[in-house]
Amino acid sequence: MPFLFGVARRPELPGAGLVRLLGDLGLTPAAARALLLRMRQEGKLASVRQGRGAGYRLAGEYGRRFERVRAGGRPPAPQWPGAFHALLYQVPESRRAFRDALRRSAVQLGYGLLQPGVLVALDDRSEHLPLGEAPPDALLLVTRLPLDERDAARAARVAWDLDALAGTYAAHASALRTALEALPEPPAPDAATLRRYAGLLKAPMVDTLSSPRLPAALFPPGWPLPALWAGIRAVQDVYGGPASRYVADVLGTFAAPAATTLPPTP
């Protein structure tokens, strides 16, 4: 879904147009409509009235993650501040649902798991965590973890599994280079180009969100994320124009009057 918003270069898209474009990407109309409904109910899409139909825009943390990707990821932090922000937690197995939700929310906010029960980030993001929902028998401690730069780099390597990420990013960059080198001719503005464009960029761009915002000194030597972003931009240079022209032509058949906000989904 974020891919289509990015290719369209518009903050709001008509529902009927999205169903058509999702069909180009392999979904049946019924599956596409079910996806729109589910994403609206989950707060990932906001709806606006468009004549007799509805338009959609990305919303919430989902929309913010899309903006980070579109901006080229998080910029590196300027320097090591001397300590990680840390969340220490101990949650009984009987409260596993809360523990899993806490960890899932923390990872989405950019925390790394240093070891079971220890989440770390470069700055304090605890106000966005569901700490107020903690069961009474859970122990949650917000603190700081002072480390020198060398130990901080070792901790970051573990907390965000940077070695595995480096392998993923290097593989993506290599695959994008190979795909462009094998391209026999410039892509046409059609549905096949849209599908190919999505296939090339979906996994690499989603995986860039896993890179933490850290000072450059805390990343392993030869960190391949800049090379991956260069590969993504190269693919965008080749496929972006034709895909955007095709999407604009499709959306042009679903023109709608000015939008008004719809009430939230019950």
Protein backbone atom coordinates (compact mmCIF):
# COMPACT_ATOMS: atom_id res chain seq x y z
CA MET A 1 0.00 0.00 0.00
CA PRO A 2 2.68 2.60 0.86
CA PHE A 3 4.38 1.73 -2.43
CA LEU A 4 1.30 2.85 -4.38
CA PHE A 5 1.11 6.13 -2.46
CA GLY A 6 4.77 6.72 -3.19
CA VAL A 7 4.43 5.98 -6.90
CA ALA A 8 1.30 8.13 -7.15
CA ARG A 9 3.10 11.01 -5.39
CA ARG A 10 -0.19 12.01 -3.81
CA PRO A 11 -1.17 12.03 -0.12
CA GLU A 12 -4.69 10.83 -0.86
CA LEU A 13 -5.93 8.20 -3.31
CA PRO A 14 -9.48 7.18 -4.35
CA GLY A 15 -10.62 3.83 -3.05
CA ALA A 16 -11.75 2.62 -6.46
CA GLY A 17 -8.37 3.55 -7.92
CA LEU A 18 -6.55 1.68 -5.16
CA VAL A 19 -8.66 -1.43 -5.82
CA ARG A 20 -7.71 -1.24 -9.50
CA LEU A 21 -4.00 -0.75 -8.78
CA LEU A 22 -3.95 -3.49 -6.16
CA GLY A 23 -5.42 -5.70 -8.87
CA ASP A 24 -2.42 -4.85 -11.05
CA LEU A 25 -0.26 -6.08 -8.17
CA GLY A 26 -2.10 -9.40 -7.96
CA LEU A 27 -5.08 -8.94 -5.61
CA THR A 28 -8.64 -9.76 -6.59
CA PRO A 29 -11.15 -6.88 -6.16
CA ALA A 30 -12.65 -8.62 -3.13
CA ALA A 31 -9.23 -9.09 -1.52
CA ALA A 32 -8.29 -5.48 -2.26
CA ARG A 33 -11.47 -4.14 -0.64
CA ALA A 34 -10.94 -6.41 2.38
CA LEU A 35 -7.39 -5.06 2.71
CA LEU A 36 -8.62 -1.46 2.65
CA LEU A 37 -11.24 -2.21 5.29
CA ARG A 38 -8.78 -4.04 7.54
CA MET A 39 -6.17 -1.29 7.28
CA ARG A 40 -8.79 1.35 8.07
CA GLN A 41 -9.95 -0.59 11.14
CA GLU A 42 -6.31 -0.94 12.28
CA GLY A 43 -5.74 2.80 11.97
CA LYS A 44 -3.26 2.43 9.11
CA LEU A 45 -5.54 4.26 6.68
CA ALA A 46 -7.80 7.25 7.19
CA SER A 47 -10.88 7.64 5.01
CA VAL A 48 -12.28 10.78 3.39
CA ARG A 49 -15.52 11.19 1.50
CA GLN A 50 -15.13 11.54 -2.27
CA GLY A 51 -18.51 11.97 -3.92
CA ARG A 52 -20.26 8.61 -3.59
CA GLY A 53 -17.05 6.81 -2.82
CA ALA A 54 -14.16 7.11 -0.40
CA GLY A 55 -10.56 8.19 -0.60
CA TYR A 56 -7.71 7.05 1.65
CA ARG A 57 -4.52 8.41 3.14
CA LEU A 58 -1.87 6.66 5.21
CA ALA A 59 -2.27 7.28 8.94
CA GLY A 60 -0.68 6.79 12.34
CA GLU A 61 2.68 5.10 12.86
CA TYR A 62 2.18 3.35 9.53
CA GLY A 63 2.12 6.70 7.77
CA ARG A 64 5.10 7.97 9.74
CA ARG A 65 7.15 4.91 8.75
CA PHE A 66 6.26 5.56 5.13
CA GLU A 67 7.48 9.15 5.45
CA ARG A 68 10.78 7.90 6.89
CA VAL A 69 11.26 5.57 3.95
CA ARG A 70 10.33 8.27 1.45
CA ALA A 71 12.83 10.63 3.08
CA GLY A 72 15.60 8.05 2.69
CA GLY A 73 15.54 6.59 6.20
CA ARG A 74 16.62 8.07 9.48
CA PRO A 75 19.69 10.32 9.33
CA PRO A 76 22.59 9.05 11.46
CA ALA A 77 22.92 10.54 14.93
CA PRO A 78 25.75 13.09 15.12
CA GLN A 79 27.78 11.48 17.91
CA TRP A 80 27.65 8.97 20.75
CA PRO A 81 25.98 10.71 23.72
CA GLY A 82 27.65 8.39 26.25
CA ALA A 83 24.64 6.29 27.23
CA PHE A 84 21.70 4.37 25.83
CA HIS A 85 18.21 4.99 27.07
CA ALA A 86 17.13 1.63 28.50
CA LEU A 87 13.91 -0.08 29.48
CA LEU A 88 14.32 -3.00 31.88
CA TYR A 89 11.29 -5.23 32.18
CA GLN A 90 10.31 -8.42 33.94
CA VAL A 91 6.88 -9.78 33.05
CA PRO A 92 5.48 -13.09 34.34
CA GLU A 93 4.80 -15.77 31.76
CA SER A 94 1.12 -15.53 32.67
CA ARG A 95 1.22 -11.97 31.26
CA ARG A 96 2.89 -12.99 28.05
CA ALA A 97 0.42 -11.07 25.86
CA PHE A 98 1.47 -7.78 27.46
CA ARG A 99 5.17 -8.68 27.25
CA ASP A 100 4.90 -9.48 23.56
CA ALA A 101 2.92 -6.30 22.87
CA LEU A 102 5.48 -4.23 24.78
CA ARG A 103 8.40 -5.69 22.87
CA ARG A 104 6.58 -5.36 19.53
CA SER A 105 5.80 -1.70 20.20
CA ALA A 106 9.37 -1.04 21.29
CA VAL A 107 10.87 -2.60 18.15
CA GLN A 108 8.52 -0.55 15.95
CA LEU A 109 9.76 2.58 17.75
CA GLY A 110 13.38 1.66 17.05
CA TYR A 111 14.44 -0.07 20.28
CA GLY A 112 16.93 -2.92 20.13
CA LEU A 113 16.82 -6.03 22.31
CA LEU A 114 20.18 -6.18 24.10
CA GLN A 115 19.16 -9.28 26.04
CA PRO A 116 15.87 -10.70 27.36
CA GLY A 117 14.32 -8.01 29.54
CA VAL A 118 16.59 -5.17 28.31
CA LEU A 119 15.54 -2.83 25.50
CA VAL A 120 17.81 0.03 24.44
CA ALA A 121 17.49 3.08 22.20
CA LEU A 122 19.54 6.17 21.55
CA ASP A 123 16.93 8.44 23.14
CA ASP A 124 13.97 8.09 25.47
CA ARG A 125 10.86 6.93 23.59
CA SER A 126 9.13 5.39 26.59
CA GLU A 127 6.20 7.82 26.45
CA HIS A 128 5.07 6.05 23.27
CA LEU A 129 5.19 2.59 24.87
CA PRO A 130 2.11 0.97 26.50
CA LEU A 131 3.63 1.25 29.98
CA GLY A 132 0.32 2.36 31.46
CA GLU A 133 -1.19 -0.99 30.48
CA ALA A 134 1.34 -2.98 32.50
CA PRO A 135 -0.15 -5.61 34.83
CA PRO A 136 0.49 -5.01 38.55
CA ASP A 137 2.95 -7.91 38.83
CA ALA A 138 5.20 -6.62 36.00
CA LEU A 139 8.42 -4.75 36.77
CA LEU A 140 9.28 -1.88 34.39
CA LEU A 141 12.30 0.38 34.91
CA VAL A 142 13.22 3.30 32.67
CA THR A 143 16.89 4.16 33.07
CA ARG A 144 20.17 4.98 31.28
CA LEU A 145 22.96 2.59 30.34
CA PRO A 146 26.31 4.47 30.26
CA LEU A 147 28.94 2.91 27.97
CA ASP A 148 32.10 4.07 26.27
CA GLU A 149 31.92 4.21 22.48
CA ARG A 150 33.66 0.88 21.94
CA ASP A 151 31.31 -1.00 24.26
CA ALA A 152 28.34 0.88 22.84
CA ALA A 153 29.27 -0.38 19.37
CA ARG A 154 29.44 -3.95 20.69
CA ALA A 155 26.07 -3.54 22.39
CA ALA A 156 24.48 -2.08 19.26
CA ARG A 157 25.78 -4.96 17.17
CA VAL A 158 23.90 -7.39 19.44
CA ALA A 159 20.79 -5.30 20.18
CA TRP A 160 19.92 -4.66 16.54
CA ASP A 161 21.63 -7.77 15.08
CA LEU A 162 23.67 -5.50 12.82
CA ASP A 163 25.67 -8.32 11.28
CA ALA A 164 22.49 -9.97 9.99
CA LEU A 165 21.17 -6.63 8.78
CA ALA A 166 24.44 -5.96 6.97
CA GLY A 167 24.10 -9.26 5.11
CA THR A 168 20.49 -8.46 4.20
CA TYR A 169 21.35 -4.99 2.92
CA ALA A 170 24.33 -6.21 0.90
CA ALA A 171 22.19 -8.93 -0.71
CA HIS A 172 19.47 -6.41 -1.61
CA ALA A 173 22.00 -3.99 -3.10
CA SER A 174 23.53 -6.77 -5.21
CA ALA A 175 20.11 -7.95 -6.42
CA LEU A 176 19.11 -4.43 -7.48
CA ARG A 177 22.35 -3.94 -9.40
CA THR A 178 21.87 -7.27 -11.17
CA ALA A 179 18.27 -6.43 -12.08
CA LEU A 180 19.23 -3.11 -13.64
CA GLU A 181 22.14 -4.60 -15.55
CA ALA A 182 19.83 -7.27 -16.99
CA LEU A 183 17.15 -4.79 -18.11
CA PRO A 184 16.90 -5.21 -21.91
CA GLU A 185 15.15 -1.88 -22.62
CA PRO A 186 13.60 1.09 -20.81
CA PRO A 187 10.38 0.07 -19.03
CA ALA A 188 7.04 1.12 -20.51
CA PRO A 189 4.33 2.97 -18.53
CA ASP A 190 2.15 -0.07 -17.96
CA ALA A 191 0.96 -2.53 -15.32
CA ALA A 192 3.89 -4.88 -15.90
CA THR A 193 6.32 -2.09 -15.05
CA LEU A 194 4.36 -1.28 -11.89
CA ARG A 195 4.53 -4.94 -10.81
CA ARG A 196 8.23 -5.18 -11.56
CA TYR A 197 8.94 -1.93 -9.72
CA ALA A 198 7.03 -3.16 -6.68
CA GLY A 199 8.77 -6.52 -6.79
CA LEU A 200 12.20 -4.91 -6.86
CA LEU A 201 11.69 -2.37 -4.08
CA LYS A 202 9.17 -3.85 -1.63
CA ALA A 203 11.52 -5.96 0.49
CA PRO A 204 14.55 -3.63 0.38
CA MET A 205 12.57 -0.57 1.42
CA VAL A 206 10.74 -2.39 4.21
CA ASP A 207 14.04 -3.75 5.51
CA THR A 208 15.61 -0.28 5.66
CA LEU A 209 13.19 0.46 8.50
CA SER A 210 15.08 -2.05 10.65
CA SER A 211 18.22 0.08 10.67
CA PRO A 212 18.51 1.96 13.97
CA ARG A 213 19.34 5.65 14.19
CA LEU A 214 22.85 5.50 15.63
CA PRO A 215 26.08 7.49 15.31
CA ALA A 216 28.21 6.25 12.40
CA ALA A 217 30.87 5.05 14.86
CA LEU A 218 28.47 2.46 16.29
CA PHE A 219 27.88 0.67 12.97
CA PRO A 220 30.19 -2.16 11.85
CA PRO A 221 32.94 -1.26 9.35
CA GLY A 222 31.67 -1.20 5.76
CA TRP A 223 28.04 -0.73 6.79
CA PRO A 224 26.17 -1.41 3.49
CA LEU A 225 23.00 0.63 4.02
CA PRO A 226 24.29 3.65 2.02
CA ALA A 227 25.04 1.32 -0.90
CA LEU A 228 21.52 -0.10 -0.64
CA TRP A 229 19.98 3.38 -0.73
CA ALA A 230 22.08 4.13 -3.81
CA GLY A 231 20.66 0.99 -5.44
CA ILE A 232 17.10 1.96 -4.49
CA ARG A 233 17.57 5.40 -6.02
CA ALA A 234 18.98 3.85 -9.19
CA VAL A 235 15.88 1.64 -9.53
CA GLN A 236 13.65 4.66 -8.88
CA ASP A 237 15.45 6.58 -11.62
CA VAL A 238 14.70 3.81 -14.14
CA TYR A 239 11.23 2.62 -13.09
CA GLY A 240 9.80 5.56 -11.15
CA GLY A 241 8.85 7.77 -14.09
CA PRO A 242 7.08 5.13 -16.20
CA ALA A 243 5.32 3.63 -13.16
CA SER A 244 4.13 7.06 -11.99
CA ARG A 245 2.79 7.89 -15.46
CA TYR A 246 0.85 4.63 -15.53
CA VAL A 247 -0.58 5.19 -12.05
CA ALA A 248 -1.54 8.78 -12.94
CA ASP A 249 -3.39 7.51 -16.02
CA VAL A 250 -5.27 4.94 -13.95
CA LEU A 251 -6.18 7.41 -11.21
CA GLY A 252 -7.28 9.94 -13.80
CA THR A 253 -10.25 7.70 -14.56
CA PHE A 254 -11.36 7.94 -10.92
CA ALA A 255 -11.41 11.73 -10.51
CA ALA A 256 -13.53 12.84 -7.58
CA PRO A 257 -14.74 16.14 -6.11
CA ALA A 258 -13.20 17.75 -3.05
CA ALA A 259 -12.91 15.47 -0.02
CA THR A 260 -14.41 15.71 3.45
CA THR A 261 -13.40 13.68 6.48
CA LEU A 262 -15.34 10.51 7.21
CA PRO A 263 -16.22 9.52 10.79
CA PRO A 264 -13.99 6.84 12.38
CA THR A 265 -14.83 3.21 11.75
CA PRO A 266 -16.87 1.79 14.67
